[in-house]
Protein backbone atom coordinates (compact mmCIF):
# COMPACT_ATOMS: atom_id res chain seq x y z
CA MET A 1 24.02 14.61 9.22
CA GLY A 2 23.90 18.21 8.65
CA GLU A 3 23.66 18.48 5.28
CA GLN A 4 20.03 18.92 4.71
CA VAL A 5 18.98 22.83 4.83
CA LEU A 6 15.27 23.10 5.23
CA GLU A 7 13.38 25.69 3.14
CA LYS A 8 11.10 27.99 5.22
CA GLY A 9 7.66 27.84 5.02
CA ALA A 10 7.38 24.00 3.72
CA LEU A 11 5.84 21.17 4.80
CA TYR A 12 7.95 18.16 5.07
CA VAL A 13 5.68 14.73 4.85
CA VAL A 14 8.19 12.68 7.02
CA GLY A 15 7.57 8.33 7.34
CA THR A 16 8.49 7.03 10.72
CA PRO A 17 8.77 3.41 11.21
CA ILE A 18 6.00 1.18 11.90
CA GLY A 19 7.23 -1.16 14.37
CA ASN A 20 11.22 -1.74 14.48
CA LEU A 21 13.06 1.56 15.27
CA GLY A 22 16.33 0.68 13.42
CA ASP A 23 14.03 1.67 10.12
CA PHE A 24 14.30 5.32 10.97
CA SER A 25 15.93 6.68 8.56
CA PRO A 26 19.38 9.04 9.26
CA ARG A 27 17.45 12.14 6.99
CA ALA A 28 14.00 11.67 8.67
CA ARG A 29 15.63 12.06 11.95
CA GLU A 30 17.65 15.32 10.25
CA THR A 31 14.38 16.72 9.38
CA LEU A 32 12.51 16.55 12.53
CA GLU A 33 15.77 18.30 13.96
CA GLN A 34 15.88 21.15 11.78
CA ALA A 35 11.82 21.79 11.81
CA ASP A 36 10.03 24.70 13.69
CA PHE A 37 7.74 22.36 14.94
CA ILE A 38 5.67 19.08 14.11
CA ALA A 39 2.32 17.85 13.79
CA ALA A 40 1.78 14.75 15.30
CA GLU A 41 -1.20 12.44 15.21
CA ASP A 42 -0.94 11.42 18.84
CA THR A 43 1.70 13.42 20.44
CA ARG A 44 2.43 10.63 22.94
CA VAL A 45 3.06 8.45 20.15
CA THR A 46 5.51 10.69 18.93
CA MET A 47 7.10 12.06 21.71
CA LYS A 48 8.40 8.35 22.24
CA LEU A 49 10.24 8.22 18.93
CA LEU A 50 11.66 11.62 19.74
CA ASN A 51 12.69 10.72 23.47
CA ARG A 52 14.42 7.57 21.88
CA PHE A 53 16.51 10.13 19.58
CA ALA A 54 16.76 12.83 21.68
CA ILE A 55 15.16 15.08 19.49
CA LYS A 56 13.30 18.58 20.90
CA LYS A 57 10.94 20.04 19.34
CA PRO A 58 7.12 21.30 19.08
CA LEU A 59 4.82 19.48 18.74
CA LEU A 60 1.31 20.26 17.89
CA SER A 61 -1.62 17.67 17.35
CA TYR A 62 -3.05 17.12 14.06
CA PHE A 63 -5.40 14.00 13.80
CA GLU A 64 -9.19 13.31 12.35
CA HIS A 65 -11.33 15.21 14.52
CA ASN A 66 -9.64 18.68 14.78
CA LYS A 67 -7.95 18.89 11.02
CA ILE A 68 -9.91 21.21 10.00
CA GLN A 69 -8.83 23.61 13.25
CA HIS A 70 -5.48 22.56 13.52
CA GLY A 71 -4.84 22.41 10.18
CA GLU A 72 -5.31 26.25 9.68
CA LEU A 73 -3.31 26.80 12.73
CA ILE A 74 -0.51 24.81 10.97
CA LEU A 75 -1.24 26.68 7.50
CA GLN A 76 -0.88 29.92 9.37
CA ARG A 77 2.26 29.23 10.56
CA LEU A 78 3.74 27.83 7.10
CA ARG A 79 2.57 30.92 5.74
CA ALA A 80 4.86 33.13 8.52
CA GLY A 81 7.72 31.20 7.07
CA GLU A 82 7.86 28.10 9.86
CA THR A 83 9.08 24.89 8.67
CA CYS A 84 6.96 21.93 9.65
CA ALA A 85 7.41 18.09 9.84
CA LEU A 86 4.06 16.48 9.59
CA VAL A 87 4.25 12.50 11.21
CA SER A 88 1.80 9.90 11.94
CA ASP A 89 2.19 7.05 14.55
CA ALA A 90 3.43 4.99 12.40
CA GLY A 91 4.45 4.91 8.59
CA MET A 92 3.76 7.42 5.80
CA PRO A 93 1.79 10.39 6.68
CA ALA A 94 -1.02 11.01 4.20
CA ILE A 95 -2.07 7.60 3.13
CA SER A 96 -4.88 6.47 4.74
CA ASP A 97 -4.27 9.34 6.94
CA PRO A 98 -5.21 12.99 8.17
CA GLY A 99 -2.64 14.42 6.70
CA GLU A 100 -4.09 14.18 2.87
CA THR A 101 -6.24 16.82 4.21
CA LEU A 102 -3.68 19.11 4.83
CA VAL A 103 -0.85 18.33 2.08
CA ALA A 104 -4.38 18.92 -0.46
CA ALA A 105 -4.57 22.38 1.69
CA CYS A 106 -1.04 23.07 1.13
CA ALA A 107 -1.22 22.41 -2.76
CA ALA A 108 -4.26 24.65 -3.07
CA GLU A 109 -2.50 27.76 -1.71
CA SER A 110 1.16 26.62 -3.62
CA ILE A 111 2.78 26.20 -0.22
CA PRO A 112 6.03 23.84 -0.96
CA VAL A 113 5.08 20.19 0.12
CA TYR A 114 8.49 18.26 0.43
CA VAL A 115 8.41 13.96 1.06
CA VAL A 116 11.14 11.98 3.15
CA PRO A 117 10.12 8.69 2.68
CA GLY A 118 9.88 6.17 5.31
CA PRO A 119 8.17 2.42 5.97
CA THR A 120 4.67 2.06 4.90
CA ALA A 121 2.69 -0.96 5.80
CA VAL A 122 0.98 -1.60 2.30
CA ILE A 123 3.79 -1.59 0.21
CA SER A 124 5.60 -3.85 2.46
CA ALA A 125 2.69 -6.38 2.95
CA LEU A 126 2.19 -6.47 -0.85
CA ALA A 127 6.21 -7.03 -1.10
CA VAL A 128 5.94 -9.96 0.68
CA SER A 129 2.33 -11.39 -0.22
CA GLY A 130 3.57 -13.86 -2.42
CA LEU A 131 0.70 -12.13 -4.78
CA PRO A 132 1.06 -10.21 -8.26
CA THR A 133 2.77 -6.84 -7.81
CA GLY A 134 2.62 -5.58 -11.04
CA ARG A 135 -0.88 -3.73 -10.76
CA PHE A 136 -2.72 -3.27 -7.08
CA THR A 137 -5.22 -1.42 -5.32
CA PHE A 138 -4.84 -0.11 -1.99
CA GLU A 139 -8.32 -0.42 -0.24
CA GLY A 140 -7.26 1.42 3.23
CA PHE A 141 -9.63 0.17 5.96
CA LEU A 142 -13.63 -0.69 5.15
CA SER A 143 -16.34 1.02 7.17
CA MET A 144 -18.26 -0.44 9.94
CA ASN A 145 -21.28 1.39 8.38
CA LYS A 146 -23.53 -1.15 6.86
CA ARG A 147 -24.03 0.98 3.74
CA SER A 148 -20.50 2.80 3.33
CA ARG A 149 -19.56 -0.98 3.65
CA ARG A 150 -21.51 -2.37 0.99
CA GLU A 151 -20.99 0.29 -1.56
CA HIS A 152 -16.98 -0.61 -0.88
CA LEU A 153 -16.92 -4.17 -1.62
CA LEU A 154 -19.51 -3.79 -4.12
CA SER A 155 -17.23 -1.47 -6.32
CA VAL A 156 -14.32 -4.09 -5.98
CA GLU A 157 -16.43 -7.16 -6.33
CA HIS A 158 -14.75 -7.79 -9.93
CA GLU A 159 -11.45 -5.90 -9.42
CA THR A 160 -8.90 -8.01 -10.92
CA ARG A 161 -5.58 -5.84 -9.56
CA THR A 162 -4.51 -7.49 -6.31
CA MET A 163 -6.04 -5.81 -3.77
CA VAL A 164 -4.35 -4.23 -0.41
CA PHE A 165 -6.42 -3.55 3.03
CA TYR A 166 -5.86 -2.30 6.63
CA GLU A 167 -7.58 -3.95 8.99
CA ALA A 168 -7.82 -3.44 13.06
CA PRO A 169 -7.75 -6.94 15.17
CA HIS A 170 -11.71 -6.41 16.71
CA LYS A 171 -13.05 -5.84 13.09
CA LEU A 172 -10.74 -8.70 11.12
CA ARG A 173 -13.71 -11.74 11.70
CA LYS A 174 -15.91 -9.64 10.03
CA THR A 175 -13.91 -8.25 7.54
CA LEU A 176 -12.65 -11.89 6.27
CA SER A 177 -16.43 -12.97 6.55
CA ASP A 178 -17.70 -10.48 3.69
CA LEU A 179 -14.25 -10.94 1.85
CA GLU A 180 -15.41 -14.63 1.80
CA LYS A 181 -18.86 -14.32 1.12
CA LEU A 182 -18.04 -11.98 -1.78
CA PHE A 183 -15.09 -13.61 -3.74
CA GLY A 184 -15.49 -17.12 -2.60
CA GLY A 185 -13.07 -19.37 -0.14
CA GLU A 186 -11.12 -20.02 -2.83
CA ARG A 187 -9.24 -16.59 -3.20
CA LYS A 188 -5.74 -16.48 -2.35
CA ILE A 189 -4.98 -13.97 0.53
CA ALA A 190 -1.94 -12.76 2.37
CA VAL A 191 -2.38 -12.13 6.09
CA VAL A 192 0.22 -9.88 7.08
CA ARG A 193 0.86 -9.34 11.12
CA GLU A 194 2.71 -7.24 13.05
CA LEU A 195 4.93 -6.05 10.24
CA THR A 196 8.66 -5.34 10.67
CA LYS A 197 7.98 -5.94 14.89
CA ILE A 198 8.91 -9.05 17.05
CA HIS A 199 5.96 -11.03 16.14
CA GLU A 200 5.68 -10.33 12.19
CA GLU A 201 3.71 -12.75 10.27
CA VAL A 202 3.02 -13.54 6.55
CA TRP A 203 0.39 -16.20 6.27
CA ARG A 204 -0.45 -17.14 2.94
CA THR A 205 -3.54 -19.21 2.57
CA ASP A 206 -7.03 -18.79 1.42
CA LEU A 207 -10.08 -16.93 2.61
CA HIS A 208 -12.12 -20.09 3.85
CA THR A 209 -9.24 -21.21 5.66
CA ALA A 210 -8.12 -17.35 7.09
CA ALA A 211 -12.10 -16.99 8.13
CA ALA A 212 -12.21 -20.69 9.77
CA HIS A 213 -9.10 -19.97 11.77
CA TYR A 214 -9.95 -16.49 13.30
CA ARG A 215 -13.33 -17.74 13.98
CA GLU A 216 -11.76 -19.85 16.49
CA HIS A 217 -8.25 -17.73 17.37
CA GLU A 218 -8.44 -14.17 18.49
CA PRO A 219 -6.78 -12.07 16.40
CA LYS A 220 -3.82 -10.21 17.68
CA GLY A 221 -1.66 -7.21 16.50
CA GLU A 222 -2.25 -4.73 12.85
CA TYR A 223 -3.10 -6.60 9.93
CA VAL A 224 -2.58 -5.97 6.28
CA LEU A 225 -4.59 -8.03 3.65
CA VAL A 226 -3.76 -8.69 0.54
CA VAL A 227 -6.05 -10.11 -1.80
CA ALA A 228 -5.67 -11.93 -4.81
CA GLY A 229 -7.34 -10.23 -7.67
CA ALA A 230 -10.03 -11.26 -9.91
CA GLU A 231 -9.57 -13.76 -12.81
CA PRO A 232 -10.01 -11.46 -15.95
CA ALA A 233 -13.51 -12.40 -17.81
CA PRO A 234 -12.88 -14.26 -21.37
CA SER A 235 -14.48 -10.56 -22.97
CA GLU A 236 -11.58 -8.42 -20.90
CA GLN A 237 -8.88 -10.60 -22.13
CA GLU A 238 -6.92 -9.26 -24.80
CA GLU A 239 -7.15 -10.08 -28.61
CA TYR A 240 -4.08 -11.96 -30.30
CA THR A 241 -4.05 -12.22 -33.96
CA LEU A 242 -1.57 -14.91 -35.27
CA GLU A 243 1.30 -12.48 -36.11
CA ASP A 244 1.09 -11.17 -32.51
CA ALA A 245 1.18 -14.60 -31.37
CA ALA A 246 4.14 -15.36 -33.70
CA GLU A 247 6.21 -12.37 -32.50
CA LEU A 248 5.28 -13.71 -28.52
CA ALA A 249 7.49 -16.71 -30.02
CA ARG A 250 9.94 -15.46 -31.32
CA GLU A 251 10.72 -13.48 -28.32
CA GLN A 252 11.03 -16.94 -26.78
CA MET A 253 13.27 -18.29 -29.18
CA GLU A 254 15.62 -15.29 -28.95
CA GLN A 255 16.08 -16.08 -25.02
CA GLY A 256 16.58 -19.65 -26.11
CA LEU A 257 13.50 -21.57 -26.39
CA SER A 258 12.92 -23.82 -29.19
CA ALA A 259 10.87 -23.16 -32.03
CA ALA A 260 8.33 -25.75 -30.87
CA ASP A 261 8.48 -24.65 -27.28
CA ALA A 262 8.41 -20.67 -28.11
CA ALA A 263 5.15 -22.41 -30.03
CA LYS A 264 3.41 -23.51 -27.42
CA GLU A 265 4.01 -20.97 -24.66
CA ALA A 266 2.95 -18.41 -27.40
CA ALA A 267 -0.30 -20.70 -27.75
CA ARG A 268 -0.72 -20.70 -24.21
CA LEU A 269 -1.04 -17.33 -23.84
CA THR A 270 -2.92 -16.07 -26.95
CA GLY A 271 -5.42 -18.86 -27.06
CA LEU A 272 -4.15 -19.85 -30.77
CA LYS A 273 -3.32 -22.72 -32.26
CA LYS A 274 0.07 -24.15 -31.53
CA GLY A 275 0.62 -25.48 -35.29
CA GLU A 276 -0.57 -22.61 -37.04
CA ILE A 277 2.38 -20.12 -34.70
CA TYR A 278 5.01 -22.74 -35.19
CA ARG A 279 4.81 -22.87 -39.15
CA LEU A 280 5.07 -18.71 -38.97
CA VAL A 281 8.03 -19.24 -36.33
CA SER A 282 9.64 -22.08 -38.45
CA GLY A 283 9.31 -21.30 -41.68
CA LYS A 284 8.03 -25.39 -42.37
């Protein structure tokens, strides 16, 4: 503690716990202690966190319905040289959060913005989903407005990357039903509930089973839905030459596979004939 010195006139985007207060980092605590004031989504929620760690700082509410008016107040204080720590109720501010607008306004005025990383539900859920994580798309919350919701769903109909959605319990049934209709019941999903809390649950299943379950059981808690992407259409799959396939096989052989097994694996990945690949890499 005490090693960090905050820059005057700067905004600090501070991640806070998504459930377990043990995830509150020493640097995050230090930043809130040193800031001139804290911009909070819900001051009552943030006050509980501050009280837990004996932090006393002025709070200014900043949420979706006052972000224009209070955003300008925050900018005025930043221009005057004060330091502001921005927090949300849980997780990283500015991610599916009105803090996005404040950060953009600071960027437009060349006001320094620094990040103090902390827990975030989207990455945490993805990490435990058991689904591919190399490429993914964060879709946030689906709108309840019929037109906006339909447009959003249609935009991801053929998405091949893993998709991550946030959902509230009272909207979960409709969302699972819509996703099942869009992607089909066999599509894999991880239903992640109450991350880092006492009742944390990761349920890896398919959309049909998940939708059917919640038609019979009352959703409880906050949910993150991690949905498998679509299989690439044949036209989207990369076309390999025989030499490409041979190179793949040689890489497999360097890892200890025999020429025959390496050719078989390269054939599986490229769709080319195993025998032709084998002749290239074995010299036979």
